[in-house]
Amino acid sequence: RDANVSVPIHFLLNRDGSVQGQPEAQTDSADPVIQATARAAISAIVEC
């Protein structure tokens, strides 16, 4: 939140609304804040 980062996450959905495979962050940044943000976003997509 403090860094105001934005991370694009790509994911596919099945017809039943479930996530197909594993969502992927569309960034090659090694920044730990960006990586942690990407993991949080992927986790939320899967859990929801």
PDB file of all heavy atoms in Angstrom:
ATOM      1  N   ARG A   1       0.839  -1.212   0.000  1.00  0.00           N
ATOM      2  CA  ARG A   1       0.000   0.000   0.000  1.00  0.00           C
ATOM      3  C   ARG A   1       0.866   1.251   0.000  1.00  0.00           C
ATOM      4  O   ARG A   1       0.597   2.208  -0.715  1.00  0.00           O
ATOM      5  CB  ARG A   1      -0.919   0.012   1.214  1.00  0.00           C
ATOM      6  CG  ARG A   1      -2.076  -0.944   1.116  1.00  0.00           C
ATOM      7  CD  ARG A   1      -3.022  -0.724   2.301  1.00  0.00           C
ATOM      8  NE  ARG A   1      -3.952  -1.806   2.457  1.00  0.00           N
ATOM      9  CZ  ARG A   1      -5.175  -1.816   1.938  1.00  0.00           C
ATOM     10  NH1 ARG A   1      -5.606  -0.801   1.233  1.00  0.00           N
ATOM     11  NH2 ARG A   1      -5.966  -2.841   2.135  1.00  0.00           N
ATOM     12  N   ASP A   2       1.915   1.224   0.811  1.00  0.00           N
ATOM     13  CA  ASP A   2       2.799   2.387   0.912  1.00  0.00           C
ATOM     14  C   ASP A   2       3.542   2.652  -0.391  1.00  0.00           C
ATOM     15  O   ASP A   2       3.766   3.800  -0.755  1.00  0.00           O
ATOM     16  CB  ASP A   2       3.814   2.188   2.043  1.00  0.00           C
ATOM     17  CG  ASP A   2       3.148   2.094   3.408  1.00  0.00           C
ATOM     18  OD1 ASP A   2       2.004   2.577   3.553  1.00  0.00           O
ATOM     19  OD2 ASP A   2       3.777   1.533   4.317  1.00  0.00           O
ATOM     20  N   ALA A   3       3.925   1.590  -1.085  1.00  0.00           N
ATOM     21  CA  ALA A   3       4.709   1.738  -2.315  1.00  0.00           C
ATOM     22  C   ALA A   3       3.831   2.021  -3.534  1.00  0.00           C
ATOM     23  O   ALA A   3       4.341   2.344  -4.595  1.00  0.00           O
ATOM     24  CB  ALA A   3       5.523   0.472  -2.556  1.00  0.00           C
ATOM     25  N   ASN A   4       2.521   1.853  -3.384  1.00  0.00           N
ATOM     26  CA  ASN A   4       1.578   2.054  -4.486  1.00  0.00           C
ATOM     27  C   ASN A   4       1.974   1.224  -5.712  1.00  0.00           C
ATOM     28  O   ASN A   4       2.105   1.744  -6.810  1.00  0.00           O
ATOM     29  CB  ASN A   4       1.452   3.533  -4.839  1.00  0.00           C
ATOM     30  CG  ASN A   4       0.279   3.786  -5.778  1.00  0.00           C
ATOM     31  OD1 ASN A   4      -0.670   3.010  -5.843  1.00  0.00           O
ATOM     32  ND2 ASN A   4       0.342   4.869  -6.522  1.00  0.00           N
ATOM     33  N   VAL A   5       2.184  -0.073  -5.480  1.00  0.00           N
ATOM     34  CA  VAL A   5       2.571  -0.971  -6.575  1.00  0.00           C
ATOM     35  C   VAL A   5       1.335  -1.522  -7.265  1.00  0.00           C
ATOM     36  O   VAL A   5       0.252  -1.590  -6.692  1.00  0.00           O
ATOM     37  CB  VAL A   5       3.461  -2.135  -6.085  1.00  0.00           C
ATOM     38  CG1 VAL A   5       4.742  -1.609  -5.500  1.00  0.00           C
ATOM     39  CG2 VAL A   5       2.727  -3.017  -5.107  1.00  0.00           C
ATOM     40  N   SER A   6       1.526  -1.911  -8.487  1.00  0.00           N
ATOM     41  CA  SER A   6       0.469  -2.526  -9.281  1.00  0.00           C
ATOM     42  C   SER A   6       1.080  -3.724  -9.992  1.00  0.00           C
ATOM     43  O   SER A   6       2.135  -3.606 -10.613  1.00  0.00           O
ATOM     44  CB  SER A   6      -0.062  -1.511 -10.283  1.00  0.00           C
ATOM     45  OG  SER A   6      -1.135  -2.048 -10.998  1.00  0.00           O
ATOM     46  N   VAL A   7       0.421  -4.879  -9.871  1.00  0.00           N
ATOM     47  CA  VAL A   7       0.945  -6.108 -10.461  1.00  0.00           C
ATOM     48  C   VAL A   7      -0.129  -6.753 -11.335  1.00  0.00           C
ATOM     49  O   VAL A   7      -1.205  -7.101 -10.837  1.00  0.00           O
ATOM     50  CB  VAL A   7       1.384  -7.113  -9.369  1.00  0.00           C
ATOM     51  CG1 VAL A   7       1.941  -8.372  -9.990  1.00  0.00           C
ATOM     52  CG2 VAL A   7       2.382  -6.484  -8.421  1.00  0.00           C
ATOM     53  N   PRO A   8       0.129  -6.912 -12.628  1.00  0.00           N
ATOM     54  CA  PRO A   8      -0.835  -7.622 -13.470  1.00  0.00           C
ATOM     55  C   PRO A   8      -0.761  -9.130 -13.228  1.00  0.00           C
ATOM     56  O   PRO A   8       0.323  -9.708 -13.189  1.00  0.00           O
ATOM     57  CB  PRO A   8      -0.410  -7.264 -14.897  1.00  0.00           C
ATOM     58  CG  PRO A   8       0.993  -6.788 -14.795  1.00  0.00           C
ATOM     59  CD  PRO A   8       1.240  -6.368 -13.385  1.00  0.00           C
ATOM     60  N   ILE A   9      -1.928  -9.735 -13.040  1.00  0.00           N
ATOM     61  CA  ILE A   9      -2.033 -11.175 -12.803  1.00  0.00           C
ATOM     62  C   ILE A   9      -2.900 -11.770 -13.912  1.00  0.00           C
ATOM     63  O   ILE A   9      -4.031 -11.334 -14.130  1.00  0.00           O
ATOM     64  CB  ILE A   9      -2.689 -11.489 -11.438  1.00  0.00           C
ATOM     65  CG1 ILE A   9      -1.989 -10.737 -10.295  1.00  0.00           C
ATOM     66  CG2 ILE A   9      -2.736 -12.984 -11.196  1.00  0.00           C
ATOM     67  CD1 ILE A   9      -0.581 -11.177  -9.998  1.00  0.00           C
ATOM     68  N   HIS A  10      -2.363 -12.776 -14.599  1.00  0.00           N
ATOM     69  CA  HIS A  10      -3.100 -13.453 -15.662  1.00  0.00           C
ATOM     70  C   HIS A  10      -3.674 -14.756 -15.116  1.00  0.00           C
ATOM     71  O   HIS A  10      -2.982 -15.503 -14.426  1.00  0.00           O
ATOM     72  CB  HIS A  10      -2.171 -13.757 -16.842  1.00  0.00           C
ATOM     73  CG  HIS A  10      -2.851 -14.515 -17.929  1.00  0.00           C
ATOM     74  ND1 HIS A  10      -2.567 -15.834 -18.206  1.00  0.00           N
ATOM     75  CD2 HIS A  10      -3.828 -14.161 -18.795  1.00  0.00           C
ATOM     76  CE1 HIS A  10      -3.320 -16.234 -19.203  1.00  0.00           C
ATOM     77  NE2 HIS A  10      -4.106 -15.241 -19.574  1.00  0.00           N
ATOM     78  N   PHE A  11      -4.958 -14.991 -15.401  1.00  0.00           N
ATOM     79  CA  PHE A  11      -5.573 -16.256 -14.991  1.00  0.00           C
ATOM     80  C   PHE A  11      -6.705 -16.612 -15.936  1.00  0.00           C
ATOM     81  O   PHE A  11      -7.319 -15.765 -16.571  1.00  0.00           O
ATOM     82  CB  PHE A  11      -6.057 -16.204 -13.542  1.00  0.00           C
ATOM     83  CG  PHE A  11      -7.133 -15.187 -13.252  1.00  0.00           C
ATOM     84  CD1 PHE A  11      -8.452 -15.576 -13.124  1.00  0.00           C
ATOM     85  CD2 PHE A  11      -6.826 -13.846 -13.087  1.00  0.00           C
ATOM     86  CE1 PHE A  11      -9.452 -14.657 -12.851  1.00  0.00           C
ATOM     87  CE2 PHE A  11      -7.803 -12.915 -12.803  1.00  0.00           C
ATOM     88  CZ  PHE A  11      -9.121 -13.321 -12.682  1.00  0.00           C
ATOM     89  N   LEU A  12      -6.952 -17.921 -16.022  1.00  0.00           N
ATOM     90  CA  LEU A  12      -8.024 -18.468 -16.850  1.00  0.00           C
ATOM     91  C   LEU A  12      -9.101 -19.022 -15.941  1.00  0.00           C
ATOM     92  O   LEU A  12      -8.815 -19.511 -14.844  1.00  0.00           O
ATOM     93  CB  LEU A  12      -7.484 -19.581 -17.750  1.00  0.00           C
ATOM     94  CG  LEU A  12      -6.378 -19.179 -18.723  1.00  0.00           C
ATOM     95  CD1 LEU A  12      -5.792 -20.424 -19.384  1.00  0.00           C
ATOM     96  CD2 LEU A  12      -6.907 -18.217 -19.762  1.00  0.00           C
ATOM     97  N   LEU A  13     -10.337 -18.971 -16.426  1.00  0.00           N
ATOM     98  CA  LEU A  13     -11.465 -19.535 -15.684  1.00  0.00           C
ATOM     99  C   LEU A  13     -12.140 -20.618 -16.512  1.00  0.00           C
ATOM    100  O   LEU A  13     -12.227 -20.513 -17.740  1.00  0.00           O
ATOM    101  CB  LEU A  13     -12.491 -18.450 -15.351  1.00  0.00           C
ATOM    102  CG  LEU A  13     -12.024 -17.366 -14.381  1.00  0.00           C
ATOM    103  CD1 LEU A  13     -13.071 -16.260 -14.289  1.00  0.00           C
ATOM    104  CD2 LEU A  13     -11.757 -17.954 -13.010  1.00  0.00           C
ATOM    105  N   ASN A  14     -12.600 -21.647 -15.817  1.00  0.00           N
ATOM    106  CA  ASN A  14     -13.409 -22.684 -16.450  1.00  0.00           C
ATOM    107  C   ASN A  14     -14.850 -22.205 -16.539  1.00  0.00           C
ATOM    108  O   ASN A  14     -15.247 -21.242 -15.884  1.00  0.00           O
ATOM    109  CB  ASN A  14     -13.343 -23.972 -15.619  1.00  0.00           C
ATOM    110  CG  ASN A  14     -11.947 -24.551 -15.580  1.00  0.00           C
ATOM    111  OD1 ASN A  14     -11.312 -24.749 -16.610  1.00  0.00           O
ATOM    112  ND2 ASN A  14     -11.465 -24.811 -14.381  1.00  0.00           N
ATOM    113  N   ARG A  15     -15.630 -22.905 -17.319  1.00  0.00           N
ATOM    114  CA  ARG A  15     -17.051 -22.532 -17.479  1.00  0.00           C
ATOM    115  C   ARG A  15     -17.818 -22.498 -16.162  1.00  0.00           C
ATOM    116  O   ARG A  15     -18.763 -21.739 -16.011  1.00  0.00           O
ATOM    117  CB  ARG A  15     -17.750 -23.494 -18.445  1.00  0.00           C
ATOM    118  CG  ARG A  15     -17.363 -23.263 -19.877  1.00  0.00           C
ATOM    119  CD  ARG A  15     -18.260 -24.074 -20.818  1.00  0.00           C
ATOM    120  NE  ARG A  15     -17.895 -23.827 -22.188  1.00  0.00           N
ATOM    121  CZ  ARG A  15     -18.294 -22.787 -22.907  1.00  0.00           C
ATOM    122  NH1 ARG A  15     -19.095 -21.903 -22.379  1.00  0.00           N
ATOM    123  NH2 ARG A  15     -17.908 -22.642 -24.161  1.00  0.00           N
ATOM    124  N   ASP A  16     -17.401 -23.316 -15.191  1.00  0.00           N
ATOM    125  CA  ASP A  16     -18.109 -23.347 -13.906  1.00  0.00           C
ATOM    126  C   ASP A  16     -17.659 -22.238 -12.952  1.00  0.00           C
ATOM    127  O   ASP A  16     -18.130 -22.150 -11.826  1.00  0.00           O
ATOM    128  CB  ASP A  16     -17.957 -24.714 -13.245  1.00  0.00           C
ATOM    129  CG  ASP A  16     -16.530 -25.031 -12.823  1.00  0.00           C
ATOM    130  OD1 ASP A  16     -15.611 -24.217 -13.077  1.00  0.00           O
ATOM    131  OD2 ASP A  16     -16.329 -26.115 -12.232  1.00  0.00           O
ATOM    132  N   GLY A  17     -16.742 -21.371 -13.398  1.00  0.00           N
ATOM    133  CA  GLY A  17     -16.276 -20.261 -12.574  1.00  0.00           C
ATOM    134  C   GLY A  17     -15.072 -20.597 -11.717  1.00  0.00           C
ATOM    135  O   GLY A  17     -14.617 -19.769 -10.930  1.00  0.00           O
ATOM    136  N   SER A  18     -14.525 -21.793 -11.865  1.00  0.00           N
ATOM    137  CA  SER A  18     -13.322 -22.162 -11.125  1.00  0.00           C
ATOM    138  C   SER A  18     -12.080 -21.705 -11.890  1.00  0.00           C
ATOM    139  O   SER A  18     -12.105 -21.533 -13.109  1.00  0.00           O
ATOM    140  CB  SER A  18     -13.271 -23.672 -10.895  1.00  0.00           C
ATOM    141  OG  SER A  18     -13.204 -24.371 -12.136  1.00  0.00           O
ATOM    142  N   VAL A  19     -11.002 -21.503 -11.149  1.00  0.00           N
ATOM    143  CA  VAL A  19      -9.738 -21.096 -11.754  1.00  0.00           C
ATOM    144  C   VAL A  19      -9.104 -22.301 -12.431  1.00  0.00           C
ATOM    145  O   VAL A  19      -9.025 -23.383 -11.859  1.00  0.00           O
ATOM    146  CB  VAL A  19      -8.786 -20.509 -10.692  1.00  0.00           C
ATOM    147  CG1 VAL A  19      -7.435 -20.170 -11.291  1.00  0.00           C
ATOM    148  CG2 VAL A  19      -9.406 -19.277 -10.043  1.00  0.00           C
ATOM    149  N   GLN A  20      -8.662 -22.090 -13.649  1.00  0.00           N
ATOM    150  CA  GLN A  20      -8.005 -23.139 -14.428  1.00  0.00           C
ATOM    151  C   GLN A  20      -6.496 -22.989 -14.257  1.00  0.00           C
ATOM    152  O   GLN A  20      -5.926 -21.944 -14.607  1.00  0.00           O
ATOM    153  CB  GLN A  20      -8.381 -22.984 -15.899  1.00  0.00           C
ATOM    154  CG  GLN A  20      -7.820 -24.038 -16.807  1.00  0.00           C
ATOM    155  CD  GLN A  20      -8.207 -23.743 -18.241  1.00  0.00           C
ATOM    156  OE1 GLN A  20      -7.375 -23.251 -18.989  1.00  0.00           O
ATOM    157  NE2 GLN A  20      -9.448 -24.008 -18.607  1.00  0.00           N
ATOM    158  N   GLY A  21      -5.852 -23.984 -13.695  1.00  0.00           N
ATOM    159  CA  GLY A  21      -4.409 -23.906 -13.484  1.00  0.00           C
ATOM    160  C   GLY A  21      -4.056 -22.928 -12.378  1.00  0.00           C
ATOM    161  O   GLY A  21      -4.845 -22.679 -11.474  1.00  0.00           O
ATOM    162  N   GLN A  22      -2.870 -22.362 -12.475  1.00  0.00           N
ATOM    163  CA  GLN A  22      -2.377 -21.423 -11.473  1.00  0.00           C
ATOM    164  C   GLN A  22      -2.258 -20.027 -12.080  1.00  0.00           C
ATOM    165  O   GLN A  22      -1.625 -19.866 -13.127  1.00  0.00           O
ATOM    166  CB  GLN A  22      -1.001 -21.893 -10.978  1.00  0.00           C
ATOM    167  CG  GLN A  22      -0.376 -21.022  -9.922  1.00  0.00           C
ATOM    168  CD  GLN A  22      -1.105 -21.067  -8.591  1.00  0.00           C
ATOM    169  OE1 GLN A  22      -1.847 -21.994  -8.307  1.00  0.00           O
ATOM    170  NE2 GLN A  22      -0.914 -20.062  -7.782  1.00  0.00           N
ATOM    171  N   PRO A  23      -2.853 -19.004 -11.459  1.00  0.00           N
ATOM    172  CA  PRO A  23      -2.659 -17.638 -11.933  1.00  0.00           C
ATOM    173  C   PRO A  23      -1.167 -17.288 -11.938  1.00  0.00           C
ATOM    174  O   PRO A  23      -0.396 -17.821 -11.128  1.00  0.00           O
ATOM    175  CB  PRO A  23      -3.406 -16.786 -10.907  1.00  0.00           C
ATOM    176  CG  PRO A  23      -4.422 -17.717 -10.325  1.00  0.00           C
ATOM    177  CD  PRO A  23      -3.746 -19.058 -10.300  1.00  0.00           C
ATOM    178  N   GLU A  24      -0.775 -16.388 -12.843  1.00  0.00           N
ATOM    179  CA  GLU A  24       0.630 -16.013 -12.964  1.00  0.00           C
ATOM    180  C   GLU A  24       0.785 -14.500 -12.953  1.00  0.00           C
ATOM    181  O   GLU A  24       0.051 -13.785 -13.636  1.00  0.00           O
ATOM    182  CB  GLU A  24       1.214 -16.548 -14.267  1.00  0.00           C
ATOM    183  CG  GLU A  24       1.266 -18.050 -14.340  1.00  0.00           C
ATOM    184  CD  GLU A  24       1.880 -18.547 -15.638  1.00  0.00           C
ATOM    185  OE1 GLU A  24       2.347 -17.722 -16.455  1.00  0.00           O
ATOM    186  OE2 GLU A  24       1.892 -19.765 -15.832  1.00  0.00           O
ATOM    187  N   ALA A  25       1.773 -14.031 -12.189  1.00  0.00           N
ATOM    188  CA  ALA A  25       2.110 -12.616 -12.196  1.00  0.00           C
ATOM    189  C   ALA A  25       2.801 -12.291 -13.512  1.00  0.00           C
ATOM    190  O   ALA A  25       3.669 -13.032 -13.961  1.00  0.00           O
ATOM    191  CB  ALA A  25       3.021 -12.293 -11.020  1.00  0.00           C
ATOM    192  N   GLN A  26       2.406 -11.210 -14.115  1.00  0.00           N
ATOM    193  CA  GLN A  26       2.982 -10.776 -15.388  1.00  0.00           C
ATOM    194  C   GLN A  26       4.036  -9.706 -15.129  1.00  0.00           C
ATOM    195  O   GLN A  26       3.939  -8.583 -15.629  1.00  0.00           O
ATOM    196  CB  GLN A  26       1.874 -10.234 -16.303  1.00  0.00           C
ATOM    197  CG  GLN A  26       0.763 -11.218 -16.571  1.00  0.00           C
ATOM    198  CD  GLN A  26       1.208 -12.341 -17.492  1.00  0.00           C
ATOM    199  OE1 GLN A  26       1.388 -12.116 -18.680  1.00  0.00           O
ATOM    200  NE2 GLN A  26       1.375 -13.523 -16.942  1.00  0.00           N
ATOM    201  N   THR A  27       5.037 -10.064 -14.335  1.00  0.00           N
ATOM    202  CA  THR A  27       6.127  -9.151 -14.017  1.00  0.00           C
ATOM    203  C   THR A  27       7.406  -9.948 -13.875  1.00  0.00           C
ATOM    204  O   THR A  27       7.371 -11.111 -13.468  1.00  0.00           O
ATOM    205  CB  THR A  27       5.844  -8.365 -12.721  1.00  0.00           C
ATOM    206  OG1 THR A  27       6.938  -7.470 -12.477  1.00  0.00           O
ATOM    207  CG2 THR A  27       5.661  -9.267 -11.531  1.00  0.00           C
ATOM    208  N   ASP A  28       8.498  -9.338 -14.227  1.00  0.00           N
ATOM    209  CA  ASP A  28       9.792  -9.987 -14.029  1.00  0.00           C
ATOM    210  C   ASP A  28      10.595  -9.277 -12.945  1.00  0.00           C
ATOM    211  O   ASP A  28      11.783  -9.498 -12.787  1.00  0.00           O
ATOM    212  CB  ASP A  28      10.575 -10.064 -15.340  1.00  0.00           C
ATOM    213  CG  ASP A  28      10.785  -8.703 -15.988  1.00  0.00           C
ATOM    214  OD1 ASP A  28      10.351  -7.687 -15.417  1.00  0.00           O
ATOM    215  OD2 ASP A  28      11.396  -8.661 -17.068  1.00  0.00           O
ATOM    216  N   SER A  29       9.914  -8.435 -12.177  1.00  0.00           N
ATOM    217  CA  SER A  29      10.573  -7.692 -11.106  1.00  0.00           C
ATOM    218  C   SER A  29      10.984  -8.625  -9.975  1.00  0.00           C
ATOM    219  O   SER A  29      10.231  -9.518  -9.578  1.00  0.00           O
ATOM    220  CB  SER A  29       9.636  -6.616 -10.551  1.00  0.00           C
ATOM    221  OG  SER A  29      10.243  -5.986  -9.441  1.00  0.00           O
ATOM    222  N   ALA A  30      12.166  -8.386  -9.449  1.00  0.00           N
ATOM    223  CA  ALA A  30      12.652  -9.134  -8.291  1.00  0.00           C
ATOM    224  C   ALA A  30      12.383  -8.374  -6.995  1.00  0.00           C
ATOM    225  O   ALA A  30      12.740  -8.853  -5.919  1.00  0.00           O
ATOM    226  CB  ALA A  30      14.146  -9.400  -8.447  1.00  0.00           C
ATOM    227  N   ASP A  31      11.746  -7.221  -7.097  1.00  0.00           N
ATOM    228  CA  ASP A  31      11.448  -6.409  -5.914  1.00  0.00           C
ATOM    229  C   ASP A  31      10.603  -7.234  -4.950  1.00  0.00           C
ATOM    230  O   ASP A  31       9.542  -7.748  -5.323  1.00  0.00           O
ATOM    231  CB  ASP A  31      10.693  -5.150  -6.349  1.00  0.00           C
ATOM    232  CG  ASP A  31      10.390  -4.220  -5.199  1.00  0.00           C
ATOM    233  OD1 ASP A  31       9.799  -4.669  -4.197  1.00  0.00           O
ATOM    234  OD2 ASP A  31      10.716  -3.026  -5.306  1.00  0.00           O
ATOM    235  N   PRO A  32      11.040  -7.365  -3.684  1.00  0.00           N
ATOM    236  CA  PRO A  32      10.298  -8.198  -2.723  1.00  0.00           C
ATOM    237  C   PRO A  32       8.874  -7.706  -2.466  1.00  0.00           C
ATOM    238  O   PRO A  32       7.986  -8.513  -2.206  1.00  0.00           O
ATOM    239  CB  PRO A  32      11.140  -8.157  -1.452  1.00  0.00           C
ATOM    240  CG  PRO A  32      12.274  -7.247  -1.698  1.00  0.00           C
ATOM    241  CD  PRO A  32      12.275  -6.835  -3.130  1.00  0.00           C
ATOM    242  N   VAL A  33       8.643  -6.402  -2.550  1.00  0.00           N
ATOM    243  CA  VAL A  33       7.291  -5.870  -2.346  1.00  0.00           C
ATOM    244  C   VAL A  33       6.391  -6.299  -3.497  1.00  0.00           C
ATOM    245  O   VAL A  33       5.246  -6.735  -3.285  1.00  0.00           O
ATOM    246  CB  VAL A  33       7.305  -4.333  -2.188  1.00  0.00           C
ATOM    247  CG1 VAL A  33       5.891  -3.777  -2.162  1.00  0.00           C
ATOM    248  CG2 VAL A  33       8.056  -3.940  -0.934  1.00  0.00           C
ATOM    249  N   ILE A  34       6.886  -6.220  -4.702  1.00  0.00           N
ATOM    250  CA  ILE A  34       6.096  -6.631  -5.864  1.00  0.00           C
ATOM    251  C   ILE A  34       5.837  -8.138  -5.816  1.00  0.00           C
ATOM    252  O   ILE A  34       4.726  -8.588  -6.078  1.00  0.00           O
ATOM    253  CB  ILE A  34       6.782  -6.200  -7.172  1.00  0.00           C
ATOM    254  CG1 ILE A  34       6.717  -4.671  -7.282  1.00  0.00           C
ATOM    255  CG2 ILE A  34       6.143  -6.870  -8.381  1.00  0.00           C
ATOM    256  CD1 ILE A  34       7.435  -4.084  -8.469  1.00  0.00           C
ATOM    257  N   GLN A  35       6.835  -8.908  -5.450  1.00  0.00           N
ATOM    258  CA  GLN A  35       6.664 -10.358  -5.361  1.00  0.00           C
ATOM    259  C   GLN A  35       5.644 -10.732  -4.276  1.00  0.00           C
ATOM    260  O   GLN A  35       4.799 -11.600  -4.491  1.00  0.00           O
ATOM    261  CB  GLN A  35       8.016 -11.036  -5.090  1.00  0.00           C
ATOM    262  CG  GLN A  35       8.964 -10.971  -6.266  1.00  0.00           C
ATOM    263  CD  GLN A  35       8.406 -11.674  -7.484  1.00  0.00           C
ATOM    264  OE1 GLN A  35       7.930 -12.805  -7.406  1.00  0.00           O
ATOM    265  NE2 GLN A  35       8.446 -11.003  -8.622  1.00  0.00           N
ATOM    266  N   ALA A  36       5.696 -10.067  -3.131  1.00  0.00           N
ATOM    267  CA  ALA A  36       4.733 -10.338  -2.054  1.00  0.00           C
ATOM    268  C   ALA A  36       3.325  -9.919  -2.473  1.00  0.00           C
ATOM    269  O   ALA A  36       2.344 -10.613  -2.163  1.00  0.00           O
ATOM    270  CB  ALA A  36       5.147  -9.596  -0.783  1.00  0.00           C
ATOM    271  N   THR A  37       3.220  -8.814  -3.188  1.00  0.00           N
ATOM    272  CA  THR A  37       1.923  -8.353  -3.682  1.00  0.00           C
ATOM    273  C   THR A  37       1.358  -9.352  -4.685  1.00  0.00           C
ATOM    274  O   THR A  37       0.164  -9.677  -4.647  1.00  0.00           O
ATOM    275  CB  THR A  37       2.055  -6.958  -4.320  1.00  0.00           C
ATOM    276  OG1 THR A  37       2.585  -6.058  -3.344  1.00  0.00           O
ATOM    277  CG2 THR A  37       0.717  -6.449  -4.822  1.00  0.00           C
ATOM    278  N   ALA A  38       2.196  -9.851  -5.568  1.00  0.00           N
ATOM    279  CA  ALA A  38       1.757 -10.848  -6.549  1.00  0.00           C
ATOM    280  C   ALA A  38       1.258 -12.110  -5.852  1.00  0.00           C
ATOM    281  O   ALA A  38       0.202 -12.647  -6.209  1.00  0.00           O
ATOM    282  CB  ALA A  38       2.894 -11.180  -7.507  1.00  0.00           C
ATOM    283  N   ARG A  39       1.983 -12.578  -4.844  1.00  0.00           N
ATOM    284  CA  ARG A  39       1.545 -13.780  -4.111  1.00  0.00           C
ATOM    285  C   ARG A  39       0.202 -13.545  -3.429  1.00  0.00           C
ATOM    286  O   ARG A  39      -0.667 -14.422  -3.425  1.00  0.00           O
ATOM    287  CB  ARG A  39       2.606 -14.197  -3.095  1.00  0.00           C
ATOM    288  CG  ARG A  39       3.819 -14.857  -3.714  1.00  0.00           C
ATOM    289  CD  ARG A  39       4.729 -15.489  -2.661  1.00  0.00           C
ATOM    290  NE  ARG A  39       5.221 -14.532  -1.682  1.00  0.00           N
ATOM    291  CZ  ARG A  39       6.313 -13.777  -1.827  1.00  0.00           C
ATOM    292  NH1 ARG A  39       7.019 -13.849  -2.942  1.00  0.00           N
ATOM    293  NH2 ARG A  39       6.686 -12.956  -0.859  1.00  0.00           N
ATOM    294  N   ALA A  40       0.014 -12.362  -2.855  1.00  0.00           N
ATOM    295  CA  ALA A  40      -1.262 -12.043  -2.192  1.00  0.00           C
ATOM    296  C   ALA A  40      -2.406 -12.017  -3.198  1.00  0.00           C
ATOM    297  O   ALA A  40      -3.497 -12.531  -2.929  1.00  0.00           O
ATOM    298  CB  ALA A  40      -1.160 -10.700  -1.467  1.00  0.00           C
ATOM    299  N   ALA A  41      -2.161 -11.437  -4.366  1.00  0.00           N
ATOM    300  CA  ALA A  41      -3.201 -11.370  -5.399  1.00  0.00           C
ATOM    301  C   ALA A  41      -3.550 -12.764  -5.904  1.00  0.00           C
ATOM    302  O   ALA A  41      -4.731 -13.099  -6.050  1.00  0.00           O
ATOM    303  CB  ALA A  41      -2.734 -10.493  -6.558  1.00  0.00           C
ATOM    304  N   ILE A  42      -2.549 -13.580  -6.175  1.00  0.00           N
ATOM    305  CA  ILE A  42      -2.789 -14.945  -6.662  1.00  0.00           C
ATOM    306  C   ILE A  42      -3.559 -15.746  -5.627  1.00  0.00           C
ATOM    307  O   ILE A  42      -4.521 -16.446  -5.957  1.00  0.00           O
ATOM    308  CB  ILE A  42      -1.452 -15.616  -7.038  1.00  0.00           C
ATOM    309  CG1 ILE A  42      -0.902 -14.960  -8.306  1.00  0.00           C
ATOM    310  CG2 ILE A  42      -1.625 -17.122  -7.208  1.00  0.00           C
ATOM    311  CD1 ILE A  42       0.531 -15.329  -8.635  1.00  0.00           C
ATOM    312  N   SER A  43      -3.176 -15.613  -4.375  1.00  0.00           N
ATOM    313  CA  SER A  43      -3.878 -16.318  -3.299  1.00  0.00           C
ATOM    314  C   SER A  43      -5.342 -15.895  -3.235  1.00  0.00           C
ATOM    315  O   SER A  43      -6.243 -16.735  -3.101  1.00  0.00           O
ATOM    316  CB  SER A  43      -3.185 -16.029  -1.971  1.00  0.00           C
ATOM    317  OG  SER A  43      -3.865 -16.640  -0.912  1.00  0.00           O
ATOM    318  N   ALA A  44      -5.615 -14.607  -3.364  1.00  0.00           N
ATOM    319  CA  ALA A  44      -6.993 -14.113  -3.319  1.00  0.00           C
ATOM    320  C   ALA A  44      -7.812 -14.633  -4.492  1.00  0.00           C
ATOM    321  O   ALA A  44      -8.972 -15.033  -4.322  1.00  0.00           O
ATOM    322  CB  ALA A  44      -6.999 -12.592  -3.300  1.00  0.00           C
ATOM    323  N   ILE A  45      -7.228 -14.641  -5.682  1.00  0.00           N
ATOM    324  CA  ILE A  45      -7.942 -15.145  -6.864  1.00  0.00           C
ATOM    325  C   ILE A  45      -8.338 -16.598  -6.668  1.00  0.00           C
ATOM    326  O   ILE A  45      -9.471 -16.996  -6.934  1.00  0.00           O
ATOM    327  CB  ILE A  45      -7.080 -14.961  -8.134  1.00  0.00           C
ATOM    328  CG1 ILE A  45      -6.983 -13.478  -8.490  1.00  0.00           C
ATOM    329  CG2 ILE A  45      -7.652 -15.766  -9.308  1.00  0.00           C
ATOM    330  CD1 ILE A  45      -5.914 -13.151  -9.515  1.00  0.00           C
ATOM    331  N   VAL A  46      -7.412 -17.396  -6.157  1.00  0.00           N
ATOM    332  CA  VAL A  46      -7.674 -18.826  -5.957  1.00  0.00           C
ATOM    333  C   VAL A  46      -8.686 -19.039  -4.828  1.00  0.00           C
ATOM    334  O   VAL A  46      -9.629 -19.816  -4.955  1.00  0.00           O
ATOM    335  CB  VAL A  46      -6.360 -19.586  -5.692  1.00  0.00           C
ATOM    336  CG1 VAL A  46      -6.625 -21.019  -5.268  1.00  0.00           C
ATOM    337  CG2 VAL A  46      -5.465 -19.545  -6.931  1.00  0.00           C
ATOM    338  N   GLU A  47      -8.506 -18.345  -3.710  1.00  0.00           N
ATOM    339  CA  GLU A  47      -9.391 -18.531  -2.559  1.00  0.00           C
ATOM    340  C   GLU A  47     -10.825 -18.063  -2.813  1.00  0.00           C
ATOM    341  O   GLU A  47     -11.760 -18.584  -2.211  1.00  0.00           O
ATOM    342  CB  GLU A  47      -8.824 -17.803  -1.340  1.00  0.00           C
ATOM    343  CG  GLU A  47      -7.596 -18.487  -0.779  1.00  0.00           C
ATOM    344  CD  GLU A  47      -6.998 -17.726   0.389  1.00  0.00           C
ATOM    345  OE1 GLU A  47      -7.719 -16.945   1.041  1.00  0.00           O
ATOM    346  OE2 GLU A  47      -5.796 -17.922   0.649  1.00  0.00           O
ATOM    347  N   CYS A  48     -11.009 -17.104  -3.696  1.00  0.00           N
ATOM    348  CA  CYS A  48     -12.342 -16.552  -3.951  1.00  0.00           C
ATOM    349  C   CYS A  48     -13.099 -17.292  -5.048  1.00  0.00           C
ATOM    350  O   CYS A  48     -14.224 -16.926  -5.371  1.00  0.00           O
ATOM    351  CB  CYS A  48     -12.239 -15.075  -4.307  1.00  0.00           C
ATOM    352  SG  CYS A  48     -11.723 -14.045  -2.933  1.00  0.00           S
TER     353      CYS A  48
END
